[in-house]
C-alpha cells in the first residue's frame, strides 16, 4: 500500500519561504504515469491545487502561485518537496501531498497545518 507523509514547520513568519517535504512509502516516485501534487485548504475556501511534478521530473503550477512555487524530487530518499516563497497570512492552510494516476487523486497524506504569523 502507498503511504504519503507531509513534514515541515507548522509556523512560518511573513515574507519567509515555506518548505514542506512529502515522504512516500510503498512505491517509487519514478513509477511510470504517476504524478505527485500539492493541494491546500484554508477556512472558507475549497481545495486549491498548487502544483505537480510528474514521474519524469516535469512540473506544472497553478497560475496564481507559479511565481512563488517550486516542486522538486529527491529520488534517493523517495521524497518530493514544495517551496513557497514570500508567504503571507493568506497562505495559512492545511497542506496535503497527493498521488495522482491520470486524473484521479488516489492517495493523500493526512495533511499538515501551516500558520503564517509574526
PDB file of N, CA and C in Angstrom:
ATOM      1  N   UNK A   1       0.836  -1.191   0.000  1.00  0.00           N
ATOM      2  CA  UNK A   1       0.000   0.000   0.000  1.00  0.00           C
ATOM      3  C   UNK A   1       0.873   1.244   0.000  1.00  0.00           C
ATOM      4  N   UNK A   2       0.420   2.250  -0.702  1.00  0.00           N
ATOM      5  CA  UNK A   2       1.147   3.508  -0.801  1.00  0.00           C
ATOM      6  C   UNK A   2       0.752   4.406   0.361  1.00  0.00           C
ATOM      7  N   UNK A   3       1.744   4.997   1.005  1.00  0.00           N
ATOM      8  CA  UNK A   3       1.514   5.963   2.069  1.00  0.00           C
ATOM      9  C   UNK A   3       2.317   7.220   1.798  1.00  0.00           C
ATOM     10  N   UNK A   4       1.718   8.375   2.115  1.00  0.00           N
ATOM     11  CA  UNK A   4       2.355   9.671   1.961  1.00  0.00           C
ATOM     12  C   UNK A   4       2.327  10.388   3.301  1.00  0.00           C
ATOM     13  N   UNK A   5       3.428  11.058   3.639  1.00  0.00           N
ATOM     14  CA  UNK A   5       3.550  11.736   4.923  1.00  0.00           C
ATOM     15  C   UNK A   5       4.185  13.106   4.723  1.00  0.00           C
ATOM     16  N   UNK A   6       3.454  14.164   5.069  1.00  0.00           N
ATOM     17  CA  UNK A   6       3.980  15.521   4.993  1.00  0.00           C
ATOM     18  C   UNK A   6       4.827  15.827   6.230  1.00  0.00           C
ATOM     19  N   UNK A   7       5.835  16.654   6.051  1.00  0.00           N
ATOM     20  CA  UNK A   7       6.629  17.132   7.169  1.00  0.00           C
ATOM     21  C   UNK A   7       7.127  18.535   6.865  1.00  0.00           C
ATOM     22  N   UNK A   8       7.366  19.305   7.924  1.00  0.00           N
ATOM     23  CA  UNK A   8       7.844  20.660   7.782  1.00  0.00           C
ATOM     24  C   UNK A   8       7.408  21.515   8.953  1.00  0.00           C
ATOM     25  N   UNK A   9       7.676  22.808   8.898  1.00  0.00           N
ATOM     26  CA  UNK A   9       7.348  23.692  10.014  1.00  0.00           C
ATOM     27  C   UNK A   9       5.852  23.970  10.089  1.00  0.00           C
ATOM     28  N   UNK A  10       5.342  24.082  11.301  1.00  0.00           N
ATOM     29  CA  UNK A  10       3.948  24.439  11.479  1.00  0.00           C
ATOM     30  C   UNK A  10       3.712  25.937  11.541  1.00  0.00           C
ATOM     31  N   UNK A  11       4.769  26.707  11.753  1.00  0.00           N
ATOM     32  CA  UNK A  11       4.673  28.157  11.877  1.00  0.00           C
ATOM     33  C   UNK A  11       5.764  28.802  11.044  1.00  0.00           C
ATOM     34  N   UNK A  12       5.385  29.742  10.198  1.00  0.00           N
ATOM     35  CA  UNK A  12       6.310  30.461   9.331  1.00  0.00           C
ATOM     36  C   UNK A  12       6.010  31.951   9.435  1.00  0.00           C
ATOM     37  N   UNK A  13       7.050  32.752   9.451  1.00  0.00           N
ATOM     38  CA  UNK A  13       6.870  34.194   9.529  1.00  0.00           C
ATOM     39  C   UNK A  13       6.606  34.790   8.149  1.00  0.00           C
ATOM     40  N   UNK A  14       5.824  35.869   8.089  1.00  0.00           N
ATOM     41  CA  UNK A  14       5.589  36.528   6.795  1.00  0.00           C
ATOM     42  C   UNK A  14       6.888  36.907   6.106  1.00  0.00           C
ATOM     43  N   UNK A  15       6.887  36.771   4.794  1.00  0.00           N
ATOM     44  CA  UNK A  15       7.999  37.042   3.883  1.00  0.00           C
ATOM     45  C   UNK A  15       9.005  35.897   3.793  1.00  0.00           C
ATOM     46  N   UNK A  16       8.923  34.924   4.676  1.00  0.00           N
ATOM     47  CA  UNK A  16       9.843  33.794   4.613  1.00  0.00           C
ATOM     48  C   UNK A  16       9.383  32.774   3.578  1.00  0.00           C
ATOM     49  N   UNK A  17      10.199  31.755   3.373  1.00  0.00           N
ATOM     50  CA  UNK A  17       9.886  30.675   2.455  1.00  0.00           C
ATOM     51  C   UNK A  17       9.434  29.447   3.227  1.00  0.00           C
ATOM     52  N   UNK A  18       8.284  28.912   2.839  1.00  0.00           N
ATOM     53  CA  UNK A  18       7.771  27.676   3.404  1.00  0.00           C
ATOM     54  C   UNK A  18       8.344  26.497   2.635  1.00  0.00           C
ATOM     55  N   UNK A  19       8.886  25.530   3.351  1.00  0.00           N
ATOM     56  CA  UNK A  19       9.426  24.328   2.735  1.00  0.00           C
ATOM     57  C   UNK A  19       8.788  23.108   3.373  1.00  0.00           C
ATOM     58  N   UNK A  20       8.105  22.310   2.565  1.00  0.00           N
ATOM     59  CA  UNK A  20       7.446  21.092   3.017  1.00  0.00           C
ATOM     60  C   UNK A  20       7.970  19.905   2.225  1.00  0.00           C
ATOM     61  N   UNK A  21       8.033  18.758   2.882  1.00  0.00           N
ATOM     62  CA  UNK A  21       8.510  17.538   2.254  1.00  0.00           C
ATOM     63  C   UNK A  21       7.457  16.451   2.385  1.00  0.00           C
ATOM     64  N   UNK A  22       7.286  15.675   1.330  1.00  0.00           N
ATOM     65  CA  UNK A  22       6.397  14.523   1.336  1.00  0.00           C
ATOM     66  C   UNK A  22       7.237  13.261   1.174  1.00  0.00           C
ATOM     67  N   UNK A  23       7.175  12.385   2.164  1.00  0.00           N
ATOM     68  CA  UNK A  23       7.874  11.113   2.108  1.00  0.00           C
ATOM     69  C   UNK A  23       6.909  10.031   1.649  1.00  0.00           C
ATOM     70  N   UNK A  24       7.296   9.294   0.615  1.00  0.00           N
ATOM     71  CA  UNK A  24       6.443   8.274   0.011  1.00  0.00           C
ATOM     72  C   UNK A  24       6.997   6.900   0.352  1.00  0.00           C
ATOM     73  N   UNK A  25       6.130   6.014   0.797  1.00  0.00           N
ATOM     74  CA  UNK A  25       6.493   4.624   1.046  1.00  0.00           C
ATOM     75  C   UNK A  25       5.550   3.710   0.284  1.00  0.00           C
ATOM     76  N   UNK A  26       6.034   2.540  -0.094  1.00  0.00           N
ATOM     77  CA  UNK A  26       5.217   1.565  -0.786  1.00  0.00           C
ATOM     78  C   UNK A  26       5.278   1.625  -2.299  1.00  0.00           C
ATOM     79  N   UNK A  27       5.907   2.645  -2.846  1.00  0.00           N
ATOM     80  CA  UNK A  27       6.047   2.781  -4.292  1.00  0.00           C
ATOM     81  C   UNK A  27       7.129   3.802  -4.577  1.00  0.00           C
ATOM     82  N   UNK A  28       7.643   3.753  -5.779  1.00  0.00           N
ATOM     83  CA  UNK A  28       8.664   4.695  -6.210  1.00  0.00           C
ATOM     84  C   UNK A  28       8.019   5.913  -6.850  1.00  0.00           C
ATOM     85  N   UNK A  29       8.546   7.099  -6.555  1.00  0.00           N
ATOM     86  CA  UNK A  29       8.016   8.308  -7.178  1.00  0.00           C
ATOM     87  C   UNK A  29       8.373   8.379  -8.659  1.00  0.00           C
ATOM     88  N   UNK A  30       9.227   7.488  -9.126  1.00  0.00           N
ATOM     89  CA  UNK A  30       9.567   7.434 -10.544  1.00  0.00           C
ATOM     90  C   UNK A  30       8.744   6.420 -11.323  1.00  0.00           C
ATOM     91  N   UNK A  31       7.762   5.796 -10.677  1.00  0.00           N
ATOM     92  CA  UNK A  31       6.900   4.842 -11.364  1.00  0.00           C
ATOM     93  C   UNK A  31       6.165   5.513 -12.514  1.00  0.00           C
ATOM     94  N   UNK A  32       6.160   4.878 -13.668  1.00  0.00           N
ATOM     95  CA  UNK A  32       5.564   5.468 -14.870  1.00  0.00           C
ATOM     96  C   UNK A  32       4.105   5.840 -14.658  1.00  0.00           C
ATOM     97  N   UNK A  33       3.726   7.010 -15.173  1.00  0.00           N
ATOM     98  CA  UNK A  33       2.358   7.530 -15.211  1.00  0.00           C
ATOM     99  C   UNK A  33       1.874   8.145 -13.907  1.00  0.00           C
ATOM    100  N   UNK A  34       2.645   8.103 -12.845  1.00  0.00           N
ATOM    101  CA  UNK A  34       2.241   8.741 -11.605  1.00  0.00           C
ATOM    102  C   UNK A  34       2.616  10.218 -11.605  1.00  0.00           C
ATOM    103  N   UNK A  35       1.774  11.018 -10.934  1.00  0.00           N
ATOM    104  CA  UNK A  35       2.031  12.431 -10.720  1.00  0.00           C
ATOM    105  C   UNK A  35       1.897  12.735  -9.234  1.00  0.00           C
ATOM    106  N   UNK A  36       2.703  13.639  -8.748  1.00  0.00           N
ATOM    107  CA  UNK A  36       2.784  13.932  -7.315  1.00  0.00           C
ATOM    108  C   UNK A  36       2.468  15.401  -7.107  1.00  0.00           C
ATOM    109  N   UNK A  37       1.370  15.664  -6.376  1.00  0.00           N
ATOM    110  CA  UNK A  37       0.793  17.007  -6.293  1.00  0.00           C
ATOM    111  C   UNK A  37       0.807  17.548  -4.870  1.00  0.00           C
ATOM    112  N   UNK A  38       0.726  18.868  -4.797  1.00  0.00           N
ATOM    113  CA  UNK A  38       0.469  19.572  -3.542  1.00  0.00           C
ATOM    114  C   UNK A  38      -0.870  20.295  -3.651  1.00  0.00           C
ATOM    115  N   UNK A  39      -1.722  20.108  -2.653  1.00  0.00           N
ATOM    116  CA  UNK A  39      -3.045  20.710  -2.581  1.00  0.00           C
ATOM    117  C   UNK A  39      -3.210  21.299  -1.190  1.00  0.00           C
ATOM    118  N   UNK A  40      -3.866  22.452  -1.089  1.00  0.00           N
ATOM    119  CA  UNK A  40      -4.065  23.056   0.225  1.00  0.00           C
ATOM    120  C   UNK A  40      -5.526  23.464   0.407  1.00  0.00           C
ATOM    121  N   UNK A  41      -5.912  23.652   1.688  1.00  0.00           N
ATOM    122  CA  UNK A  41      -7.258  24.062   2.025  1.00  0.00           C
ATOM    123  C   UNK A  41      -7.209  24.983   3.238  1.00  0.00           C
ATOM    124  N   UNK A  42      -7.905  26.119   3.152  1.00  0.00           N
ATOM    125  CA  UNK A  42      -7.996  27.071   4.249  1.00  0.00           C
ATOM    126  C   UNK A  42      -9.462  27.338   4.555  1.00  0.00           C
ATOM    127  N   UNK A  43      -9.770  27.855   5.762  1.00  0.00           N
ATOM    128  CA  UNK A  43     -11.175  28.123   6.106  1.00  0.00           C
ATOM    129  C   UNK A  43     -11.843  29.052   5.105  1.00  0.00           C
ATOM    130  N   UNK A  44     -13.062  28.681   4.702  1.00  0.00           N
ATOM    131  CA  UNK A  44     -13.823  29.486   3.771  1.00  0.00           C
ATOM    132  C   UNK A  44     -13.474  29.286   2.317  1.00  0.00           C
ATOM    133  N   UNK A  45     -12.522  28.421   2.031  1.00  0.00           N
ATOM    134  CA  UNK A  45     -12.110  28.163   0.662  1.00  0.00           C
ATOM    135  C   UNK A  45     -12.207  26.679   0.371  1.00  0.00           C
ATOM    136  N   UNK A  46     -12.329  26.363  -0.889  1.00  0.00           N
ATOM    137  CA  UNK A  46     -12.275  24.979  -1.323  1.00  0.00           C
ATOM    138  C   UNK A  46     -10.841  24.499  -1.447  1.00  0.00           C
ATOM    139  N   UNK A  47     -10.707  23.268  -1.834  1.00  0.00           N
ATOM    140  CA  UNK A  47      -9.376  22.729  -2.089  1.00  0.00           C
ATOM    141  C   UNK A  47      -8.729  23.482  -3.242  1.00  0.00           C
ATOM    142  N   UNK A  48      -7.477  23.852  -3.072  1.00  0.00           N
ATOM    143  CA  UNK A  48      -6.722  24.595  -4.080  1.00  0.00           C
ATOM    144  C   UNK A  48      -5.545  23.756  -4.549  1.00  0.00           C
ATOM    145  N   UNK A  49      -5.569  23.409  -5.826  1.00  0.00           N
ATOM    146  CA  UNK A  49      -4.439  22.710  -6.422  1.00  0.00           C
ATOM    147  C   UNK A  49      -3.278  23.678  -6.603  1.00  0.00           C
ATOM    148  N   UNK A  50      -2.114  23.317  -6.104  1.00  0.00           N
ATOM    149  CA  UNK A  50      -0.964  24.203  -6.143  1.00  0.00           C
ATOM    150  C   UNK A  50      -0.009  23.871  -7.284  1.00  0.00           C
ATOM    151  N   UNK A  51       0.276  22.602  -7.448  1.00  0.00           N
ATOM    152  CA  UNK A  51       1.222  22.216  -8.475  1.00  0.00           C
ATOM    153  C   UNK A  51       1.462  20.724  -8.463  1.00  0.00           C
ATOM    154  N   UNK A  52       2.292  20.275  -9.398  1.00  0.00           N
ATOM    155  CA  UNK A  52       2.524  18.850  -9.581  1.00  0.00           C
ATOM    156  C   UNK A  52       3.910  18.625 -10.164  1.00  0.00           C
ATOM    157  N   UNK A  53       4.483  17.487  -9.833  1.00  0.00           N
ATOM    158  CA  UNK A  53       5.670  17.017 -10.523  1.00  0.00           C
ATOM    159  C   UNK A  53       5.392  15.594 -10.991  1.00  0.00           C
ATOM    160  N   UNK A  54       5.692  15.322 -12.245  1.00  0.00           N
ATOM    161  CA  UNK A  54       5.432  14.016 -12.827  1.00  0.00           C
ATOM    162  C   UNK A  54       6.581  13.057 -12.563  1.00  0.00           C
ATOM    163  N   UNK A  55       6.328  11.793 -12.864  1.00  0.00           N
ATOM    164  CA  UNK A  55       7.323  10.750 -12.611  1.00  0.00           C
ATOM    165  C   UNK A  55       8.629  10.993 -13.349  1.00  0.00           C
ATOM    166  N   UNK A  56       8.566  11.728 -14.461  1.00  0.00           N
ATOM    167  CA  UNK A  56       9.764  12.001 -15.243  1.00  0.00           C
ATOM    168  C   UNK A  56      10.423  13.325 -14.873  1.00  0.00           C
ATOM    169  N   UNK A  57       9.923  13.992 -13.835  1.00  0.00           N
ATOM    170  CA  UNK A  57      10.514  15.222 -13.355  1.00  0.00           C
ATOM    171  C   UNK A  57       9.921  16.501 -13.897  1.00  0.00           C
ATOM    172  N   UNK A  58       8.998  16.417 -14.845  1.00  0.00           N
ATOM    173  CA  UNK A  58       8.344  17.612 -15.375  1.00  0.00           C
ATOM    174  C   UNK A  58       7.355  18.168 -14.361  1.00  0.00           C
ATOM    175  N   UNK A  59       7.321  19.487 -14.209  1.00  0.00           N
ATOM    176  CA  UNK A  59       6.468  20.130 -13.218  1.00  0.00           C
ATOM    177  C   UNK A  59       5.518  21.132 -13.857  1.00  0.00           C
ATOM    178  N   UNK A  60       4.440  21.442 -13.132  1.00  0.00           N
ATOM    179  CA  UNK A  60       3.457  22.422 -13.559  1.00  0.00           C
ATOM    180  C   UNK A  60       2.857  23.042 -12.304  1.00  0.00           C
ATOM    181  N   UNK A  61       2.348  24.290 -12.417  1.00  0.00           N
ATOM    182  CA  UNK A  61       1.890  25.023 -11.248  1.00  0.00           C
ATOM    183  C   UNK A  61       0.597  25.767 -11.538  1.00  0.00           C
ATOM    184  N   UNK A  62      -0.165  26.034 -10.470  1.00  0.00           N
ATOM    185  CA  UNK A  62      -1.310  26.919 -10.578  1.00  0.00           C
ATOM    186  C   UNK A  62      -0.842  28.297 -11.036  1.00  0.00           C
ATOM    187  N   UNK A  63      -1.544  28.922 -11.997  1.00  0.00           N
ATOM    188  CA  UNK A  63      -1.111  30.251 -12.448  1.00  0.00           C
ATOM    189  C   UNK A  63      -0.990  31.276 -11.325  1.00  0.00           C
ATOM    190  N   UNK A  64      -1.851  31.197 -10.322  1.00  0.00           N
ATOM    191  CA  UNK A  64      -1.828  32.165  -9.235  1.00  0.00           C
ATOM    192  C   UNK A  64      -0.644  31.983  -8.294  1.00  0.00           C
ATOM    193  N   UNK A  65       0.005  30.842  -8.342  1.00  0.00           N
ATOM    194  CA  UNK A  65       1.109  30.539  -7.439  1.00  0.00           C
ATOM    195  C   UNK A  65       2.422  30.272  -8.157  1.00  0.00           C
ATOM    196  N   UNK A  66       2.407  30.281  -9.470  1.00  0.00           N
ATOM    197  CA  UNK A  66       3.571  29.872 -10.240  1.00  0.00           C
ATOM    198  C   UNK A  66       4.819  30.686  -9.900  1.00  0.00           C
ATOM    199  N   UNK A  67       4.656  31.978  -9.701  1.00  0.00           N
ATOM    200  CA  UNK A  67       5.812  32.838  -9.470  1.00  0.00           C
ATOM    201  C   UNK A  67       6.469  32.594  -8.119  1.00  0.00           C
ATOM    202  N   UNK A  68       5.760  31.951  -7.191  1.00  0.00           N
ATOM    203  CA  UNK A  68       6.282  31.741  -5.840  1.00  0.00           C
ATOM    204  C   UNK A  68       6.565  30.280  -5.519  1.00  0.00           C
ATOM    205  N   UNK A  69       6.249  29.367  -6.419  1.00  0.00           N
ATOM    206  CA  UNK A  69       6.259  27.941  -6.101  1.00  0.00           C
ATOM    207  C   UNK A  69       7.365  27.192  -6.821  1.00  0.00           C
ATOM    208  N   UNK A  70       7.851  26.161  -6.151  1.00  0.00           N
ATOM    209  CA  UNK A  70       8.796  25.239  -6.761  1.00  0.00           C
ATOM    210  C   UNK A  70       8.585  23.857  -6.159  1.00  0.00           C
ATOM    211  N   UNK A  71       8.468  22.852  -7.003  1.00  0.00           N
ATOM    212  CA  UNK A  71       8.328  21.463  -6.574  1.00  0.00           C
ATOM    213  C   UNK A  71       9.502  20.673  -7.130  1.00  0.00           C
ATOM    214  N   UNK A  72      10.116  19.877  -6.279  1.00  0.00           N
ATOM    215  CA  UNK A  72      11.290  19.112  -6.675  1.00  0.00           C
ATOM    216  C   UNK A  72      11.196  17.682  -6.161  1.00  0.00           C
ATOM    217  N   UNK A  73      12.041  16.809  -6.728  1.00  0.00           N
ATOM    218  CA  UNK A  73      12.068  15.400  -6.358  1.00  0.00           C
ATOM    219  C   UNK A  73      13.435  15.027  -5.805  1.00  0.00           C
ATOM    220  N   UNK A  74      13.426  14.176  -4.803  1.00  0.00           N
ATOM    221  CA  UNK A  74      14.632  13.557  -4.282  1.00  0.00           C
ATOM    222  C   UNK A  74      14.432  12.055  -4.441  1.00  0.00           C
ATOM    223  N   UNK A  75      14.925  11.507  -5.542  1.00  0.00           N
ATOM    224  CA  UNK A  75      14.661  10.102  -5.849  1.00  0.00           C
ATOM    225  C   UNK A  75      15.391   9.155  -4.905  1.00  0.00           C
ATOM    226  N   UNK A  76      16.528   9.577  -4.366  1.00  0.00           N
ATOM    227  CA  UNK A  76      17.267   8.739  -3.434  1.00  0.00           C
ATOM    228  C   UNK A  76      16.467   8.503  -2.155  1.00  0.00           C
ATOM    229  N   UNK A  77      15.817   9.557  -1.654  1.00  0.00           N
ATOM    230  CA  UNK A  77      15.026   9.446  -0.431  1.00  0.00           C
ATOM    231  C   UNK A  77      13.553   9.153  -0.708  1.00  0.00           C
ATOM    232  N   UNK A  78      13.171   9.043  -1.979  1.00  0.00           N
ATOM    233  CA  UNK A  78      11.789   8.815  -2.375  1.00  0.00           C
ATOM    234  C   UNK A  78      10.871   9.893  -1.784  1.00  0.00           C
ATOM    235  N   UNK A  79      11.255  11.139  -2.000  1.00  0.00           N
ATOM    236  CA  UNK A  79      10.526  12.281  -1.478  1.00  0.00           C
ATOM    237  C   UNK A  79      10.301  13.309  -2.575  1.00  0.00           C
ATOM    238  N   UNK A  80       9.261  14.123  -2.397  1.00  0.00           N
ATOM    239  CA  UNK A  80       9.127  15.331  -3.194  1.00  0.00           C
ATOM    240  C   UNK A  80       8.757  16.485  -2.274  1.00  0.00           C
ATOM    241  N   UNK A  81       9.164  17.688  -2.666  1.00  0.00           N
ATOM    242  CA  UNK A  81       9.094  18.837  -1.775  1.00  0.00           C
ATOM    243  C   UNK A  81       8.436  20.030  -2.447  1.00  0.00           C
ATOM    244  N   UNK A  82       7.896  20.905  -1.607  1.00  0.00           N
ATOM    245  CA  UNK A  82       7.295  22.166  -2.036  1.00  0.00           C
ATOM    246  C   UNK A  82       8.017  23.314  -1.353  1.00  0.00           C
ATOM    247  N   UNK A  83       8.385  24.321  -2.127  1.00  0.00           N
ATOM    248  CA  UNK A  83       8.879  25.584  -1.588  1.00  0.00           C
ATOM    249  C   UNK A  83       7.946  26.695  -2.050  1.00  0.00           C
ATOM    250  N   UNK A  84       7.436  27.465  -1.100  1.00  0.00           N
ATOM    251  CA  UNK A  84       6.538  28.576  -1.378  1.00  0.00           C
ATOM    252  C   UNK A  84       7.156  29.820  -0.757  1.00  0.00           C
ATOM    253  N   UNK A  85       7.580  30.749  -1.580  1.00  0.00           N
ATOM    254  CA  UNK A  85       8.308  31.915  -1.114  1.00  0.00           C
ATOM    255  C   UNK A  85       7.372  33.073  -0.790  1.00  0.00           C
ATOM    256  N   UNK A  86       7.913  34.059  -0.071  1.00  0.00           N
ATOM    257  CA  UNK A  86       7.204  35.305   0.235  1.00  0.00           C
ATOM    258  C   UNK A  86       5.819  35.067   0.799  1.00  0.00           C
ATOM    259  N   UNK A  87       5.727  34.233   1.812  1.00  0.00           N
ATOM    260  CA  UNK A  87       4.417  33.862   2.339  1.00  0.00           C
ATOM    261  C   UNK A  87       3.778  35.023   3.103  1.00  0.00           C
ATOM    262  N   UNK A  88       2.451  35.023   3.121  1.00  0.00           N
ATOM    263  CA  UNK A  88       1.638  35.971   3.864  1.00  0.00           C
ATOM    264  C   UNK A  88       0.633  35.189   4.698  1.00  0.00           C
ATOM    265  N   UNK A  89      -0.102  35.863   5.607  1.00  0.00           N
ATOM    266  CA  UNK A  89      -1.146  35.144   6.356  1.00  0.00           C
ATOM    267  C   UNK A  89      -2.179  34.451   5.475  1.00  0.00           C
ATOM    268  N   UNK A  90      -2.363  34.923   4.245  1.00  0.00           N
ATOM    269  CA  UNK A  90      -3.294  34.259   3.330  1.00  0.00           C
ATOM    270  C   UNK A  90      -2.835  32.864   2.931  1.00  0.00           C
ATOM    271  N   UNK A  91      -1.577  32.540   3.178  1.00  0.00           N
ATOM    272  CA  UNK A  91      -1.066  31.212   2.878  1.00  0.00           C
ATOM    273  C   UNK A  91      -1.299  30.223   4.015  1.00  0.00           C
ATOM    274  N   UNK A  92      -1.885  30.673   5.119  1.00  0.00           N
ATOM    275  CA  UNK A  92      -2.240  29.772   6.212  1.00  0.00           C
ATOM    276  C   UNK A  92      -3.255  28.751   5.719  1.00  0.00           C
ATOM    277  N   UNK A  93      -2.942  27.469   5.883  1.00  0.00           N
ATOM    278  CA  UNK A  93      -3.791  26.419   5.340  1.00  0.00           C
ATOM    279  C   UNK A  93      -3.305  25.071   5.838  1.00  0.00           C
ATOM    280  N   UNK A  94      -4.106  24.045   5.558  1.00  0.00           N
ATOM    281  CA  UNK A  94      -3.658  22.668   5.684  1.00  0.00           C
ATOM    282  C   UNK A  94      -3.122  22.241   4.324  1.00  0.00           C
ATOM    283  N   UNK A  95      -1.905  21.746   4.307  1.00  0.00           N
ATOM    284  CA  UNK A  95      -1.242  21.359   3.068  1.00  0.00           C
ATOM    285  C   UNK A  95      -1.195  19.838   2.962  1.00  0.00           C
ATOM    286  N   UNK A  96      -1.575  19.337   1.794  1.00  0.00           N
ATOM    287  CA  UNK A  96      -1.610  17.908   1.528  1.00  0.00           C
ATOM    288  C   UNK A  96      -0.693  17.562   0.368  1.00  0.00           C
ATOM    289  N   UNK A  97       0.020  16.452   0.483  1.00  0.00           N
ATOM    290  CA  UNK A  97       0.654  15.866  -0.680  1.00  0.00           C
ATOM    291  C   UNK A  97      -0.197  14.699  -1.155  1.00  0.00           C
ATOM    292  N   UNK A  98      -0.265  14.525  -2.481  1.00  0.00           N
ATOM    293  CA  UNK A  98      -1.232  13.621  -3.093  1.00  0.00           C
ATOM    294  C   UNK A  98      -0.587  12.918  -4.285  1.00  0.00           C
ATOM    295  N   UNK A  99      -0.898  11.637  -4.448  1.00  0.00           N
ATOM    296  CA  UNK A  99      -0.503  10.911  -5.654  1.00  0.00           C
ATOM    297  C   UNK A  99      -1.677  10.825  -6.611  1.00  0.00           C
ATOM    298  N   UNK A 100      -1.418  11.101  -7.876  1.00  0.00           N
ATOM    299  CA  UNK A 100      -2.437  11.034  -8.903  1.00  0.00           C
ATOM    300  C   UNK A 100      -2.035  10.044  -9.979  1.00  0.00           C
ATOM    301  N   UNK A 101      -3.030   9.339 -10.513  1.00  0.00           N
ATOM    302  CA  UNK A 101      -2.867   8.492 -11.674  1.00  0.00           C
ATOM    303  C   UNK A 101      -3.881   8.959 -12.707  1.00  0.00           C
ATOM    304  N   UNK A 102      -3.392   9.425 -13.861  1.00  0.00           N
ATOM    305  CA  UNK A 102      -4.242  10.109 -14.827  1.00  0.00           C
ATOM    306  C   UNK A 102      -4.895  11.293 -14.106  1.00  0.00           C
ATOM    307  N   UNK A 103      -6.235  11.365 -14.056  1.00  0.00           N
ATOM    308  CA  UNK A 103      -6.921  12.476 -13.409  1.00  0.00           C
ATOM    309  C   UNK A 103      -7.462  12.128 -12.023  1.00  0.00           C
ATOM    310  N   UNK A 104      -7.138  10.963 -11.504  1.00  0.00           N
ATOM    311  CA  UNK A 104      -7.659  10.520 -10.220  1.00  0.00           C
ATOM    312  C   UNK A 104      -6.642  10.740  -9.112  1.00  0.00           C
ATOM    313  N   UNK A 105      -7.084  11.380  -8.013  1.00  0.00           N
ATOM    314  CA  UNK A 105      -6.250  11.545  -6.822  1.00  0.00           C
ATOM    315  C   UNK A 105      -6.448  10.323  -5.930  1.00  0.00           C
ATOM    316  N   UNK A 106      -5.519   9.392  -6.013  1.00  0.00           N
ATOM    317  CA  UNK A 106      -5.681   8.088  -5.376  1.00  0.00           C
ATOM    318  C   UNK A 106      -5.315   8.082  -3.900  1.00  0.00           C
ATOM    319  N   UNK A 107      -4.194   8.675  -3.553  1.00  0.00           N
ATOM    320  CA  UNK A 107      -3.672   8.604  -2.198  1.00  0.00           C
ATOM    321  C   UNK A 107      -3.323   9.996  -1.707  1.00  0.00           C
ATOM    322  N   UNK A 108      -3.687  10.252  -0.440  1.00  0.00           N
ATOM    323  CA  UNK A 108      -3.445  11.535   0.218  1.00  0.00           C
ATOM    324  C   UNK A 108      -2.654  11.335   1.495  1.00  0.00           C
ATOM    325  N   UNK A 109      -1.779  12.276   1.817  1.00  0.00           N
ATOM    326  CA  UNK A 109      -1.244  12.354   3.152  1.00  0.00           C
ATOM    327  C   UNK A 109      -2.312  12.850   4.108  1.00  0.00           C
ATOM    328  N   UNK A 110      -2.005  12.829   5.399  1.00  0.00           N
ATOM    329  CA  UNK A 110      -3.002  13.261   6.387  1.00  0.00           C
ATOM    330  C   UNK A 110      -3.139  14.774   6.460  1.00  0.00           C
ATOM    331  N   UNK A 111      -2.219  15.506   5.874  1.00  0.00           N
ATOM    332  CA  UNK A 111      -2.224  16.956   5.888  1.00  0.00           C
ATOM    333  C   UNK A 111      -1.395  17.513   7.019  1.00  0.00           C
ATOM    334  N   UNK A 112      -0.846  18.697   6.800  1.00  0.00           N
ATOM    335  CA  UNK A 112      -0.072  19.389   7.823  1.00  0.00           C
ATOM    336  C   UNK A 112      -0.554  20.831   7.905  1.00  0.00           C
ATOM    337  N   UNK A 113      -0.856  21.284   9.114  1.00  0.00           N
ATOM    338  CA  UNK A 113      -1.302  22.650   9.339  1.00  0.00           C
ATOM    339  C   UNK A 113      -0.106  23.590   9.320  1.00  0.00           C
ATOM    340  N   UNK A 114      -0.183  24.623   8.497  1.00  0.00           N
ATOM    341  CA  UNK A 114       0.854  25.651   8.424  1.00  0.00           C
ATOM    342  C   UNK A 114       0.208  26.998   8.704  1.00  0.00           C
ATOM    343  N   UNK A 115       0.740  27.706   9.677  1.00  0.00           N
ATOM    344  CA  UNK A 115       0.257  29.033  10.041  1.00  0.00           C
ATOM    345  C   UNK A 115       1.329  30.062   9.731  1.00  0.00           C
ATOM    346  N   UNK A 116       0.949  31.113   9.021  1.00  0.00           N
ATOM    347  CA  UNK A 116       1.855  32.221   8.721  1.00  0.00           C
ATOM    348  C   UNK A 116       1.505  33.366   9.654  1.00  0.00           C
ATOM    349  N   UNK A 117       2.425  33.699  10.552  1.00  0.00           N
ATOM    350  CA  UNK A 117       2.164  34.713  11.564  1.00  0.00           C
ATOM    351  C   UNK A 117       3.480  35.214  12.133  1.00  0.00           C
ATOM    352  N   UNK A 118       3.460  36.474  12.593  1.00  0.00           N
ATOM    353  CA  UNK A 118       4.610  37.029  13.288  1.00  0.00           C
ATOM    354  C   UNK A 118       4.681  36.567  14.731  1.00  0.00           C
TER     355      UNK A 118
END
